[in-house]
Amino acid sequence: MAGLTEWVFLVLSATQFFLGMLGNGFIGVVNGSGWFKSKRISLSDFITTNLALSRIALLWILMSDAVILVFFPKTHDEGVIMQVIDVFWAFTNHLSIWLATCLGVFYCLKITSFSHPTFLWLKWRVNSVVVWMLLAALLLSCGSAVSLIHSFKVYSALCGIDGTGNVTEHCRKLTNEYQVTHVLGTLWNLPPLIMCLASYIVLILSLGRHGRRMQHNSASSSDASTEAHKRATKMMLSFLFLFLLYFLAFLITTSSYFLPGTKMTQMIGELITMIYPASHSFVFILGNSKLKQTFVEMLWCESGRLKSGSKRPFSP
């Protein structure tokens, strides 16, 4: 029977799940409908749509994990179902992170301007660079899942054998190795974290360089390029903050096998983990002009309907 702590955990998880589904679903619907109407889609919208879909899948996995943790704790610790969920979580998690990183690199190359030959080469071929990054992201996400699948298959095969002594001891050893592999899987997050940090530094340097040039030319500091720099910098900063928080929570959750108070540690880690896919969608909506305009129009439309509906009972 679930206690008060478990029910609070479920309510908070369900709230974040619901908000995340609304935000990411809105992004997917807006970009998907535009793609369907015009029969074409920009590279940034393509990445954003797939990012929203991957986060929807990630939220479903996290919510399923929360339900199993509360109502089926034994299955959560030892069941084959959880190991399958771990594999899907590893793939979806790394794919989502890499898609966000690719989007950050795309904006960085599009907005910033430097005269270095390497940077100019990347800027002129930004679409090709990002497409290759997307393919690499898919391969790396598959690699992170395969690293778990291999240890999972060996562990399941040996633990399915009835026996004692050496077999049981070996099975316990394989369990520890599986858990260590799961914890070390967080290292797959380091490359996108480094690339995201590098993109943010480049944006800051470009913004400062552009600001000095505008002051030297006695031009207005509120030109379109400056605003684009500032908007991209704010979005990258928010992504970095949420990503670091997510990385820390993910590390806590996966390391819970070796920490005291395993269940409570897992619940706290999972609640923090859900903040990233749930809240970053709204940060992105507010930072994207097309999505923000559609969102405001939808709110005005709903507000108008509510006002007209409220007046209807008093109308003659």
C-alpha atoms as a PDB file:
ATOM      1  CA  MET A   1       0.000   0.000   0.000  1.00  0.00           C
ATOM      2  CA  ALA A   2       1.434   3.368  -1.026  1.00  0.00           C
ATOM      3  CA  GLY A   3       2.079   5.813   1.810  1.00  0.00           C
ATOM      4  CA  LEU A   4       1.790   9.597   1.915  1.00  0.00           C
ATOM      5  CA  THR A   5       5.298  10.112   0.533  1.00  0.00           C
ATOM      6  CA  GLU A   6       4.594   7.834  -2.433  1.00  0.00           C
ATOM      7  CA  TRP A   7       1.301   9.592  -3.207  1.00  0.00           C
ATOM      8  CA  VAL A   8       2.967  13.021  -3.084  1.00  0.00           C
ATOM      9  CA  PHE A   9       5.649  11.676  -5.415  1.00  0.00           C
ATOM     10  CA  LEU A  10       2.999  10.355  -7.823  1.00  0.00           C
ATOM     11  CA  VAL A  11       1.032  13.633  -7.803  1.00  0.00           C
ATOM     12  CA  LEU A  12       4.155  15.703  -8.504  1.00  0.00           C
ATOM     13  CA  SER A  13       5.258  13.264 -11.220  1.00  0.00           C
ATOM     14  CA  ALA A  14       1.800  13.323 -12.837  1.00  0.00           C
ATOM     15  CA  THR A  15       1.763  17.148 -12.740  1.00  0.00           C
ATOM     16  CA  GLN A  16       5.134  17.401 -14.476  1.00  0.00           C
ATOM     17  CA  PHE A  17       4.084  14.697 -16.929  1.00  0.00           C
ATOM     18  CA  PHE A  18       0.899  16.583 -17.806  1.00  0.00           C
ATOM     19  CA  LEU A  19       2.698  19.922 -18.262  1.00  0.00           C
ATOM     20  CA  GLY A  20       5.422  18.298 -20.324  1.00  0.00           C
ATOM     21  CA  MET A  21       2.906  16.588 -22.572  1.00  0.00           C
ATOM     22  CA  LEU A  22       1.100  19.906 -23.111  1.00  0.00           C
ATOM     23  CA  GLY A  23       4.274  21.836 -23.965  1.00  0.00           C
ATOM     24  CA  ASN A  24       5.904  19.218 -26.181  1.00  0.00           C
ATOM     25  CA  GLY A  25       2.578  18.245 -27.734  1.00  0.00           C
ATOM     26  CA  PHE A  26       1.950  21.893 -28.642  1.00  0.00           C
ATOM     27  CA  ILE A  27       5.364  22.119 -30.366  1.00  0.00           C
ATOM     28  CA  GLY A  28       4.741  18.881 -32.253  1.00  0.00           C
ATOM     29  CA  VAL A  29       1.254  19.908 -33.383  1.00  0.00           C
ATOM     30  CA  VAL A  30       2.256  23.419 -34.539  1.00  0.00           C
ATOM     31  CA  ASN A  31       5.326  22.283 -36.485  1.00  0.00           C
ATOM     32  CA  GLY A  32       3.603  19.149 -37.753  1.00  0.00           C
ATOM     33  CA  SER A  33       0.562  21.052 -39.055  1.00  0.00           C
ATOM     34  CA  GLY A  34       2.832  23.577 -40.782  1.00  0.00           C
ATOM     35  CA  TRP A  35       4.772  20.713 -42.357  1.00  0.00           C
ATOM     36  CA  PHE A  36       1.533  19.076 -43.516  1.00  0.00           C
ATOM     37  CA  LYS A  37       0.141  22.300 -45.035  1.00  0.00           C
ATOM     38  CA  SER A  38       3.250  23.521 -46.850  1.00  0.00           C
ATOM     39  CA  LYS A  39       4.690  20.060 -47.637  1.00  0.00           C
ATOM     40  CA  ARG A  40       8.086  21.337 -46.500  1.00  0.00           C
ATOM     41  CA  ILE A  41       9.843  22.009 -43.224  1.00  0.00           C
ATOM     42  CA  SER A  42      12.964  23.889 -42.202  1.00  0.00           C
ATOM     43  CA  LEU A  43      15.853  22.047 -40.575  1.00  0.00           C
ATOM     44  CA  SER A  44      15.345  23.840 -37.258  1.00  0.00           C
ATOM     45  CA  ASP A  45      11.625  22.954 -37.182  1.00  0.00           C
ATOM     46  CA  PHE A  46      12.472  19.354 -38.119  1.00  0.00           C
ATOM     47  CA  ILE A  47      14.896  19.086 -35.182  1.00  0.00           C
ATOM     48  CA  THR A  48      12.439  20.813 -32.838  1.00  0.00           C
ATOM     49  CA  THR A  49       9.585  18.474 -33.819  1.00  0.00           C
ATOM     50  CA  ASN A  50      11.692  15.363 -33.274  1.00  0.00           C
ATOM     51  CA  LEU A  51      12.973  16.799 -30.012  1.00  0.00           C
ATOM     52  CA  ALA A  52       9.394  17.272 -28.796  1.00  0.00           C
ATOM     53  CA  LEU A  53       8.472  13.709 -29.843  1.00  0.00           C
ATOM     54  CA  SER A  54      11.527  12.246 -28.089  1.00  0.00           C
ATOM     55  CA  ARG A  55      10.645  14.136 -24.914  1.00  0.00           C
ATOM     56  CA  ILE A  56       7.062  12.889 -25.060  1.00  0.00           C
ATOM     57  CA  ALA A  57       8.429   9.332 -25.203  1.00  0.00           C
ATOM     58  CA  LEU A  58      10.863  10.147 -22.390  1.00  0.00           C
ATOM     59  CA  LEU A  59       8.067  11.505 -20.196  1.00  0.00           C
ATOM     60  CA  TRP A  60       6.010   8.345 -20.755  1.00  0.00           C
ATOM     61  CA  ILE A  61       9.003   6.215 -19.744  1.00  0.00           C
ATOM     62  CA  LEU A  62       9.645   8.318 -16.634  1.00  0.00           C
ATOM     63  CA  MET A  63       5.975   8.219 -15.621  1.00  0.00           C
ATOM     64  CA  SER A  64       5.851   4.441 -16.103  1.00  0.00           C
ATOM     65  CA  ASP A  65       8.990   4.138 -13.998  1.00  0.00           C
ATOM     66  CA  ALA A  66       7.369   6.244 -11.254  1.00  0.00           C
ATOM     67  CA  VAL A  67       4.250   4.040 -11.166  1.00  0.00           C
ATOM     68  CA  ILE A  68       6.302   0.843 -11.043  1.00  0.00           C
ATOM     69  CA  LEU A  69       8.539   2.310  -8.303  1.00  0.00           C
ATOM     70  CA  VAL A  70       5.535   3.038  -6.065  1.00  0.00           C
ATOM     71  CA  PHE A  71       3.248   0.048  -6.677  1.00  0.00           C
ATOM     72  CA  PHE A  72       5.719  -2.663  -7.742  1.00  0.00           C
ATOM     73  CA  PRO A  73       8.994  -1.947  -5.896  1.00  0.00           C
ATOM     74  CA  LYS A  74      10.255  -5.525  -6.229  1.00  0.00           C
ATOM     75  CA  THR A  75       9.714  -5.458  -9.982  1.00  0.00           C
ATOM     76  CA  HIS A  76      11.479  -2.098 -10.107  1.00  0.00           C
ATOM     77  CA  ASP A  77      14.560  -3.531  -8.404  1.00  0.00           C
ATOM     78  CA  GLU A  78      14.784  -6.949 -10.047  1.00  0.00           C
ATOM     79  CA  GLY A  79      12.246  -7.338 -12.829  1.00  0.00           C
ATOM     80  CA  VAL A  80      13.046  -7.864 -16.487  1.00  0.00           C
ATOM     81  CA  ILE A  81      10.471  -5.162 -17.314  1.00  0.00           C
ATOM     82  CA  MET A  82      12.642  -2.527 -15.645  1.00  0.00           C
ATOM     83  CA  GLN A  83      15.689  -3.602 -17.599  1.00  0.00           C
ATOM     84  CA  VAL A  84      13.716  -3.212 -20.831  1.00  0.00           C
ATOM     85  CA  ILE A  85      12.598   0.232 -19.646  1.00  0.00           C
ATOM     86  CA  ASP A  86      16.246   1.049 -18.893  1.00  0.00           C
ATOM     87  CA  VAL A  87      17.176   0.286 -22.502  1.00  0.00           C
ATOM     88  CA  PHE A  88      14.395   2.484 -23.928  1.00  0.00           C
ATOM     89  CA  TRP A  89      15.243   5.189 -21.392  1.00  0.00           C
ATOM     90  CA  ALA A  90      18.918   5.141 -22.407  1.00  0.00           C
ATOM     91  CA  PHE A  91      18.059   5.484 -26.102  1.00  0.00           C
ATOM     92  CA  THR A  92      15.367   8.164 -25.705  1.00  0.00           C
ATOM     93  CA  ASN A  93      17.334  10.117 -23.123  1.00  0.00           C
ATOM     94  CA  HIS A  94      20.499  10.411 -25.207  1.00  0.00           C
ATOM     95  CA  LEU A  95      18.570  11.080 -28.414  1.00  0.00           C
ATOM     96  CA  SER A  96      16.684  13.934 -26.725  1.00  0.00           C
ATOM     97  CA  ILE A  97      19.872  15.466 -25.357  1.00  0.00           C
ATOM     98  CA  TRP A  98      21.677  15.201 -28.706  1.00  0.00           C
ATOM     99  CA  LEU A  99      18.745  16.743 -30.592  1.00  0.00           C
ATOM    100  CA  ALA A 100      18.766  19.729 -28.224  1.00  0.00           C
ATOM    101  CA  THR A 101      22.536  20.025 -28.684  1.00  0.00           C
ATOM    102  CA  CYS A 102      22.196  19.905 -32.486  1.00  0.00           C
ATOM    103  CA  LEU A 103      19.601  22.674 -32.299  1.00  0.00           C
ATOM    104  CA  GLY A 104      21.929  24.784 -30.152  1.00  0.00           C
ATOM    105  CA  VAL A 105      24.829  24.287 -32.572  1.00  0.00           C
ATOM    106  CA  PHE A 106      22.527  25.176 -35.494  1.00  0.00           C
ATOM    107  CA  TYR A 107      21.474  28.472 -33.885  1.00  0.00           C
ATOM    108  CA  CYS A 108      25.062  29.211 -32.889  1.00  0.00           C
ATOM    109  CA  LEU A 109      26.367  28.792 -36.452  1.00  0.00           C
ATOM    110  CA  LYS A 110      23.444  30.727 -37.938  1.00  0.00           C
ATOM    111  CA  ILE A 111      23.642  33.744 -35.622  1.00  0.00           C
ATOM    112  CA  THR A 112      27.299  34.207 -34.733  1.00  0.00           C
ATOM    113  CA  SER A 113      29.907  35.666 -37.059  1.00  0.00           C
ATOM    114  CA  PHE A 114      33.671  35.146 -36.882  1.00  0.00           C
ATOM    115  CA  SER A 115      36.328  35.464 -39.569  1.00  0.00           C
ATOM    116  CA  HIS A 116      38.208  32.293 -38.659  1.00  0.00           C
ATOM    117  CA  PRO A 117      38.419  29.970 -41.718  1.00  0.00           C
ATOM    118  CA  THR A 118      37.217  26.905 -39.796  1.00  0.00           C
ATOM    119  CA  PHE A 119      34.208  28.762 -38.423  1.00  0.00           C
ATOM    120  CA  LEU A 120      33.366  30.186 -41.844  1.00  0.00           C
ATOM    121  CA  TRP A 121      33.586  26.699 -43.356  1.00  0.00           C
ATOM    122  CA  LEU A 122      31.151  25.392 -40.713  1.00  0.00           C
ATOM    123  CA  LYS A 123      28.839  28.383 -41.148  1.00  0.00           C
ATOM    124  CA  TRP A 124      28.640  28.004 -44.938  1.00  0.00           C
ATOM    125  CA  ARG A 125      27.833  24.293 -44.564  1.00  0.00           C
ATOM    126  CA  VAL A 126      25.647  24.595 -41.469  1.00  0.00           C
ATOM    127  CA  ASN A 127      22.844  22.386 -42.829  1.00  0.00           C
ATOM    128  CA  SER A 128      25.237  19.591 -43.819  1.00  0.00           C
ATOM    129  CA  VAL A 129      27.079  19.839 -40.499  1.00  0.00           C
ATOM    130  CA  VAL A 130      23.877  19.588 -38.475  1.00  0.00           C
ATOM    131  CA  VAL A 131      22.530  16.701 -40.595  1.00  0.00           C
ATOM    132  CA  TRP A 132      25.731  14.741 -39.972  1.00  0.00           C
ATOM    133  CA  MET A 133      25.430  15.591 -36.291  1.00  0.00           C
ATOM    134  CA  LEU A 134      21.886  14.196 -36.304  1.00  0.00           C
ATOM    135  CA  LEU A 135      23.081  10.942 -37.861  1.00  0.00           C
ATOM    136  CA  ALA A 136      25.899  10.719 -35.317  1.00  0.00           C
ATOM    137  CA  ALA A 137      23.395  11.431 -32.533  1.00  0.00           C
ATOM    138  CA  LEU A 138      21.223   8.547 -33.699  1.00  0.00           C
ATOM    139  CA  LEU A 139      24.218   6.187 -33.790  1.00  0.00           C
ATOM    140  CA  LEU A 140      25.452   7.283 -30.351  1.00  0.00           C
ATOM    141  CA  SER A 141      21.955   6.888 -28.886  1.00  0.00           C
ATOM    142  CA  CYS A 142      21.804   3.369 -30.301  1.00  0.00           C
ATOM    143  CA  GLY A 143      25.264   2.697 -28.871  1.00  0.00           C
ATOM    144  CA  SER A 144      24.183   3.774 -25.384  1.00  0.00           C
ATOM    145  CA  ALA A 145      21.197   1.405 -25.567  1.00  0.00           C
ATOM    146  CA  VAL A 146      23.242  -1.488 -27.004  1.00  0.00           C
ATOM    147  CA  SER A 147      25.754  -1.182 -24.155  1.00  0.00           C
ATOM    148  CA  LEU A 148      22.900  -1.982 -21.765  1.00  0.00           C
ATOM    149  CA  ILE A 149      21.297  -4.629 -23.995  1.00  0.00           C
ATOM    150  CA  HIS A 150      24.465  -6.747 -24.069  1.00  0.00           C
ATOM    151  CA  SER A 151      24.858  -6.924 -20.282  1.00  0.00           C
ATOM    152  CA  PHE A 152      21.081  -7.322 -19.919  1.00  0.00           C
ATOM    153  CA  LYS A 153      20.959 -10.365 -22.228  1.00  0.00           C
ATOM    154  CA  VAL A 154      23.852 -12.128 -20.463  1.00  0.00           C
ATOM    155  CA  TYR A 155      22.423 -11.305 -17.040  1.00  0.00           C
ATOM    156  CA  SER A 156      18.937 -12.575 -17.957  1.00  0.00           C
ATOM    157  CA  ALA A 157      20.268 -15.805 -19.495  1.00  0.00           C
ATOM    158  CA  LEU A 158      22.371 -16.783 -16.490  1.00  0.00           C
ATOM    159  CA  CYS A 159      19.856 -15.703 -13.866  1.00  0.00           C
ATOM    160  CA  GLY A 160      17.225 -17.832 -15.575  1.00  0.00           C
ATOM    161  CA  ILE A 161      19.238 -20.945 -14.752  1.00  0.00           C
ATOM    162  CA  ASP A 162      18.145 -22.788 -11.632  1.00  0.00           C
ATOM    163  CA  GLY A 163      21.148 -23.471  -9.478  1.00  0.00           C
ATOM    164  CA  THR A 164      23.150 -22.500  -6.460  1.00  0.00           C
ATOM    165  CA  GLY A 165      26.728 -21.879  -5.522  1.00  0.00           C
ATOM    166  CA  ASN A 166      28.869 -20.620  -8.342  1.00  0.00           C
ATOM    167  CA  VAL A 167      25.906 -19.884 -10.649  1.00  0.00           C
ATOM    168  CA  THR A 168      24.153 -17.762  -8.029  1.00  0.00           C
ATOM    169  CA  GLU A 169      27.372 -15.971  -7.166  1.00  0.00           C
ATOM    170  CA  HIS A 170      28.101 -15.336 -10.822  1.00  0.00           C
ATOM    171  CA  CYS A 171      24.574 -14.037 -11.307  1.00  0.00           C
ATOM    172  CA  ARG A 172      25.083 -11.600  -8.415  1.00  0.00           C
ATOM    173  CA  LYS A 173      28.357 -10.484  -9.961  1.00  0.00           C
ATOM    174  CA  LEU A 174      26.660  -9.883 -13.311  1.00  0.00           C
ATOM    175  CA  THR A 175      23.954  -7.881 -11.543  1.00  0.00           C
ATOM    176  CA  ASN A 176      26.590  -5.585 -10.062  1.00  0.00           C
ATOM    177  CA  GLU A 177      28.269  -5.255 -13.450  1.00  0.00           C
ATOM    178  CA  TYR A 178      24.917  -4.352 -15.045  1.00  0.00           C
ATOM    179  CA  GLN A 179      24.334  -1.666 -12.440  1.00  0.00           C
ATOM    180  CA  VAL A 180      27.846  -0.250 -12.874  1.00  0.00           C
ATOM    181  CA  THR A 181      27.315  -0.188 -16.672  1.00  0.00           C
ATOM    182  CA  HIS A 182      24.060   1.703 -16.123  1.00  0.00           C
ATOM    183  CA  VAL A 183      25.792   4.277 -13.921  1.00  0.00           C
ATOM    184  CA  LEU A 184      28.699   4.714 -16.340  1.00  0.00           C
ATOM    185  CA  GLY A 185      26.105   5.265 -19.082  1.00  0.00           C
ATOM    186  CA  THR A 186      25.826   8.848 -17.820  1.00  0.00           C
ATOM    187  CA  LEU A 187      29.224   9.481 -19.453  1.00  0.00           C
ATOM    188  CA  TRP A 188      27.403   9.382 -22.801  1.00  0.00           C
ATOM    189  CA  ASN A 189      26.009  12.783 -21.781  1.00  0.00           C
ATOM    190  CA  LEU A 190      29.431  14.434 -21.588  1.00  0.00           C
ATOM    191  CA  PRO A 191      30.001  15.026 -25.359  1.00  0.00           C
ATOM    192  CA  PRO A 192      26.704  16.926 -25.876  1.00  0.00           C
ATOM    193  CA  LEU A 193      27.300  18.827 -22.639  1.00  0.00           C
ATOM    194  CA  ILE A 194      30.756  19.936 -23.845  1.00  0.00           C
ATOM    195  CA  MET A 195      29.393  20.905 -27.283  1.00  0.00           C
ATOM    196  CA  CYS A 196      26.534  22.853 -25.712  1.00  0.00           C
ATOM    197  CA  LEU A 197      28.943  24.678 -23.400  1.00  0.00           C
ATOM    198  CA  ALA A 198      31.232  25.499 -26.336  1.00  0.00           C
ATOM    199  CA  SER A 199      28.264  26.851 -28.352  1.00  0.00           C
ATOM    200  CA  TYR A 200      27.216  29.019 -25.432  1.00  0.00           C
ATOM    201  CA  ILE A 201      30.748  30.443 -25.053  1.00  0.00           C
ATOM    202  CA  VAL A 202      30.871  31.200 -28.794  1.00  0.00           C
ATOM    203  CA  LEU A 203      27.503  32.987 -28.559  1.00  0.00           C
ATOM    204  CA  ILE A 204      28.705  35.098 -25.620  1.00  0.00           C
ATOM    205  CA  LEU A 205      31.928  36.035 -27.440  1.00  0.00           C
ATOM    206  CA  SER A 206      30.010  36.873 -30.611  1.00  0.00           C
ATOM    207  CA  LEU A 207      27.496  38.984 -28.663  1.00  0.00           C
ATOM    208  CA  GLY A 208      30.297  40.956 -26.994  1.00  0.00           C
ATOM    209  CA  ARG A 209      32.123  41.413 -30.307  1.00  0.00           C
ATOM    210  CA  HIS A 210      28.922  42.555 -32.018  1.00  0.00           C
ATOM    211  CA  GLY A 211      28.124  44.977 -29.178  1.00  0.00           C
ATOM    212  CA  ARG A 212      31.579  46.583 -29.376  1.00  0.00           C
ATOM    213  CA  ARG A 213      31.241  46.951 -33.154  1.00  0.00           C
ATOM    214  CA  MET A 214      27.819  48.602 -32.770  1.00  0.00           C
ATOM    215  CA  GLN A 215      29.181  51.052 -30.174  1.00  0.00           C
ATOM    216  CA  HIS A 216      32.123  51.873 -32.420  1.00  0.00           C
ATOM    217  CA  ASN A 217      29.756  52.613 -35.292  1.00  0.00           C
ATOM    218  CA  SER A 218      27.450  54.601 -32.949  1.00  0.00           C
ATOM    219  CA  ALA A 219      24.547  52.386 -33.988  1.00  0.00           C
ATOM    220  CA  SER A 220      21.555  51.362 -31.948  1.00  0.00           C
ATOM    221  CA  SER A 221      22.147  48.485 -29.537  1.00  0.00           C
ATOM    222  CA  SER A 222      18.656  47.109 -30.220  1.00  0.00           C
ATOM    223  CA  ASP A 223      19.190  45.983 -33.826  1.00  0.00           C
ATOM    224  CA  ALA A 224      17.894  42.637 -35.076  1.00  0.00           C
ATOM    225  CA  SER A 225      21.272  40.899 -34.850  1.00  0.00           C
ATOM    226  CA  THR A 226      21.781  41.926 -31.228  1.00  0.00           C
ATOM    227  CA  GLU A 227      18.283  40.793 -30.304  1.00  0.00           C
ATOM    228  CA  ALA A 228      18.881  37.452 -32.035  1.00  0.00           C
ATOM    229  CA  HIS A 229      22.148  37.045 -30.110  1.00  0.00           C
ATOM    230  CA  LYS A 230      20.457  37.832 -26.798  1.00  0.00           C
ATOM    231  CA  ARG A 231      17.490  35.556 -27.472  1.00  0.00           C
ATOM    232  CA  ALA A 232      19.736  32.647 -28.491  1.00  0.00           C
ATOM    233  CA  THR A 233      22.011  33.246 -25.485  1.00  0.00           C
ATOM    234  CA  LYS A 234      19.061  33.156 -23.070  1.00  0.00           C
ATOM    235  CA  MET A 235      17.765  29.940 -24.618  1.00  0.00           C
ATOM    236  CA  MET A 236      21.206  28.313 -24.493  1.00  0.00           C
ATOM    237  CA  LEU A 237      21.682  29.413 -20.877  1.00  0.00           C
ATOM    238  CA  SER A 238      18.317  27.978 -19.852  1.00  0.00           C
ATOM    239  CA  PHE A 239      19.125  24.741 -21.655  1.00  0.00           C
ATOM    240  CA  LEU A 240      22.533  24.534 -19.936  1.00  0.00           C
ATOM    241  CA  PHE A 241      20.993  25.105 -16.503  1.00  0.00           C
ATOM    242  CA  LEU A 242      18.245  22.531 -17.000  1.00  0.00           C
ATOM    243  CA  PHE A 243      20.671  20.098 -18.620  1.00  0.00           C
ATOM    244  CA  LEU A 244      23.113  20.325 -15.693  1.00  0.00           C
ATOM    245  CA  LEU A 245      20.220  19.815 -13.269  1.00  0.00           C
ATOM    246  CA  TYR A 246      19.015  16.872 -15.349  1.00  0.00           C
ATOM    247  CA  PHE A 247      22.513  15.390 -15.531  1.00  0.00           C
ATOM    248  CA  LEU A 248      22.888  15.603 -11.740  1.00  0.00           C
ATOM    249  CA  ALA A 249      19.447  14.061 -11.121  1.00  0.00           C
ATOM    250  CA  PHE A 250      20.088  11.337 -13.694  1.00  0.00           C
ATOM    251  CA  LEU A 251      23.396  10.528 -11.983  1.00  0.00           C
ATOM    252  CA  ILE A 252      21.655  10.348  -8.583  1.00  0.00           C
ATOM    253  CA  THR A 253      18.897   8.105  -9.953  1.00  0.00           C
ATOM    254  CA  THR A 254      21.226   5.674 -11.693  1.00  0.00           C
ATOM    255  CA  SER A 255      23.586   5.621  -8.693  1.00  0.00           C
ATOM    256  CA  SER A 256      20.750   4.834  -6.278  1.00  0.00           C
ATOM    257  CA  TYR A 257      21.764   1.137  -6.340  1.00  0.00           C
ATOM    258  CA  PHE A 258      24.771   2.060  -4.195  1.00  0.00           C
ATOM    259  CA  LEU A 259      23.239   4.782  -2.003  1.00  0.00           C
ATOM    260  CA  PRO A 260      21.346   4.403   1.296  1.00  0.00           C
ATOM    261  CA  GLY A 261      17.596   4.953   1.257  1.00  0.00           C
ATOM    262  CA  THR A 262      17.337   3.678  -2.309  1.00  0.00           C
ATOM    263  CA  LYS A 263      13.612   4.269  -2.868  1.00  0.00           C
ATOM    264  CA  MET A 264      13.584   7.825  -1.506  1.00  0.00           C
ATOM    265  CA  THR A 265      16.741   8.643  -3.470  1.00  0.00           C
ATOM    266  CA  GLN A 266      15.135   7.319  -6.648  1.00  0.00           C
ATOM    267  CA  MET A 267      11.950   9.324  -6.095  1.00  0.00           C
ATOM    268  CA  ILE A 268      13.824  12.600  -5.487  1.00  0.00           C
ATOM    269  CA  GLY A 269      16.109  11.976  -8.453  1.00  0.00           C
ATOM    270  CA  GLU A 270      13.211  11.124 -10.735  1.00  0.00           C
ATOM    271  CA  LEU A 271      11.237  14.239  -9.783  1.00  0.00           C
ATOM    272  CA  ILE A 272      14.244  16.428 -10.607  1.00  0.00           C
ATOM    273  CA  THR A 273      14.844  14.442 -13.798  1.00  0.00           C
ATOM    274  CA  MET A 274      11.343  15.199 -15.088  1.00  0.00           C
ATOM    275  CA  ILE A 275      11.885  18.967 -14.756  1.00  0.00           C
ATOM    276  CA  TYR A 276      14.087  19.073 -17.865  1.00  0.00           C
ATOM    277  CA  PRO A 277      11.778  17.471 -20.488  1.00  0.00           C
ATOM    278  CA  ALA A 278       8.699  19.089 -18.914  1.00  0.00           C
ATOM    279  CA  SER A 279       9.850  22.701 -18.493  1.00  0.00           C
ATOM    280  CA  HIS A 280      12.326  23.217 -21.326  1.00  0.00           C
ATOM    281  CA  SER A 281       9.509  22.967 -23.875  1.00  0.00           C
ATOM    282  CA  PHE A 282       7.896  26.121 -22.429  1.00  0.00           C
ATOM    283  CA  VAL A 283      11.264  27.913 -22.423  1.00  0.00           C
ATOM    284  CA  PHE A 284      11.595  27.042 -26.086  1.00  0.00           C
ATOM    285  CA  ILE A 285       8.039  28.185 -26.880  1.00  0.00           C
ATOM    286  CA  LEU A 286       8.697  31.586 -25.290  1.00  0.00           C
ATOM    287  CA  GLY A 287      12.010  31.905 -27.143  1.00  0.00           C
ATOM    288  CA  ASN A 288      10.670  30.952 -30.586  1.00  0.00           C
ATOM    289  CA  SER A 289       8.734  33.755 -32.305  1.00  0.00           C
ATOM    290  CA  LYS A 290       6.466  31.478 -34.367  1.00  0.00           C
ATOM    291  CA  LEU A 291       5.578  29.189 -31.452  1.00  0.00           C
ATOM    292  CA  LYS A 292       5.133  32.124 -29.075  1.00  0.00           C
ATOM    293  CA  GLN A 293       2.794  33.923 -31.497  1.00  0.00           C
ATOM    294  CA  THR A 294       0.711  30.777 -32.024  1.00  0.00           C
ATOM    295  CA  PHE A 295       0.588  30.165 -28.274  1.00  0.00           C
ATOM    296  CA  VAL A 296      -0.560  33.759 -27.551  1.00  0.00           C
ATOM    297  CA  GLU A 297      -3.184  33.579 -30.301  1.00  0.00           C
ATOM    298  CA  MET A 298      -4.481  30.322 -28.851  1.00  0.00           C
ATOM    299  CA  LEU A 299      -4.723  31.887 -25.377  1.00  0.00           C
ATOM    300  CA  TRP A 300      -6.567  34.919 -26.760  1.00  0.00           C
ATOM    301  CA  CYS A 301      -8.938  32.624 -28.638  1.00  0.00           C
ATOM    302  CA  GLU A 302      -9.658  30.569 -25.523  1.00  0.00           C
ATOM    303  CA  SER A 303     -10.055  33.731 -23.448  1.00  0.00           C
ATOM    304  CA  GLY A 304     -12.537  35.112 -25.990  1.00  0.00           C
ATOM    305  CA  ARG A 305     -14.548  31.902 -25.915  1.00  0.00           C
ATOM    306  CA  LEU A 306     -14.685  31.929 -22.128  1.00  0.00           C
ATOM    307  CA  LYS A 307     -15.853  35.562 -22.083  1.00  0.00           C
ATOM    308  CA  SER A 308     -18.528  34.969 -24.684  1.00  0.00           C
ATOM    309  CA  GLY A 309     -19.588  31.804 -22.899  1.00  0.00           C
ATOM    310  CA  SER A 310     -19.853  33.606 -19.584  1.00  0.00           C
ATOM    311  CA  LYS A 311     -22.121  36.287 -21.080  1.00  0.00           C
ATOM    312  CA  ARG A 312     -24.376  33.830 -22.835  1.00  0.00           C
ATOM    313  CA  PRO A 313     -26.594  32.981 -19.810  1.00  0.00           C
ATOM    314  CA  PHE A 314     -27.324  36.703 -19.216  1.00  0.00           C
ATOM    315  CA  SER A 315     -28.042  37.531 -22.864  1.00  0.00           C
ATOM    316  CA  PRO A 316     -31.711  38.068 -23.838  1.00  0.00           C
END
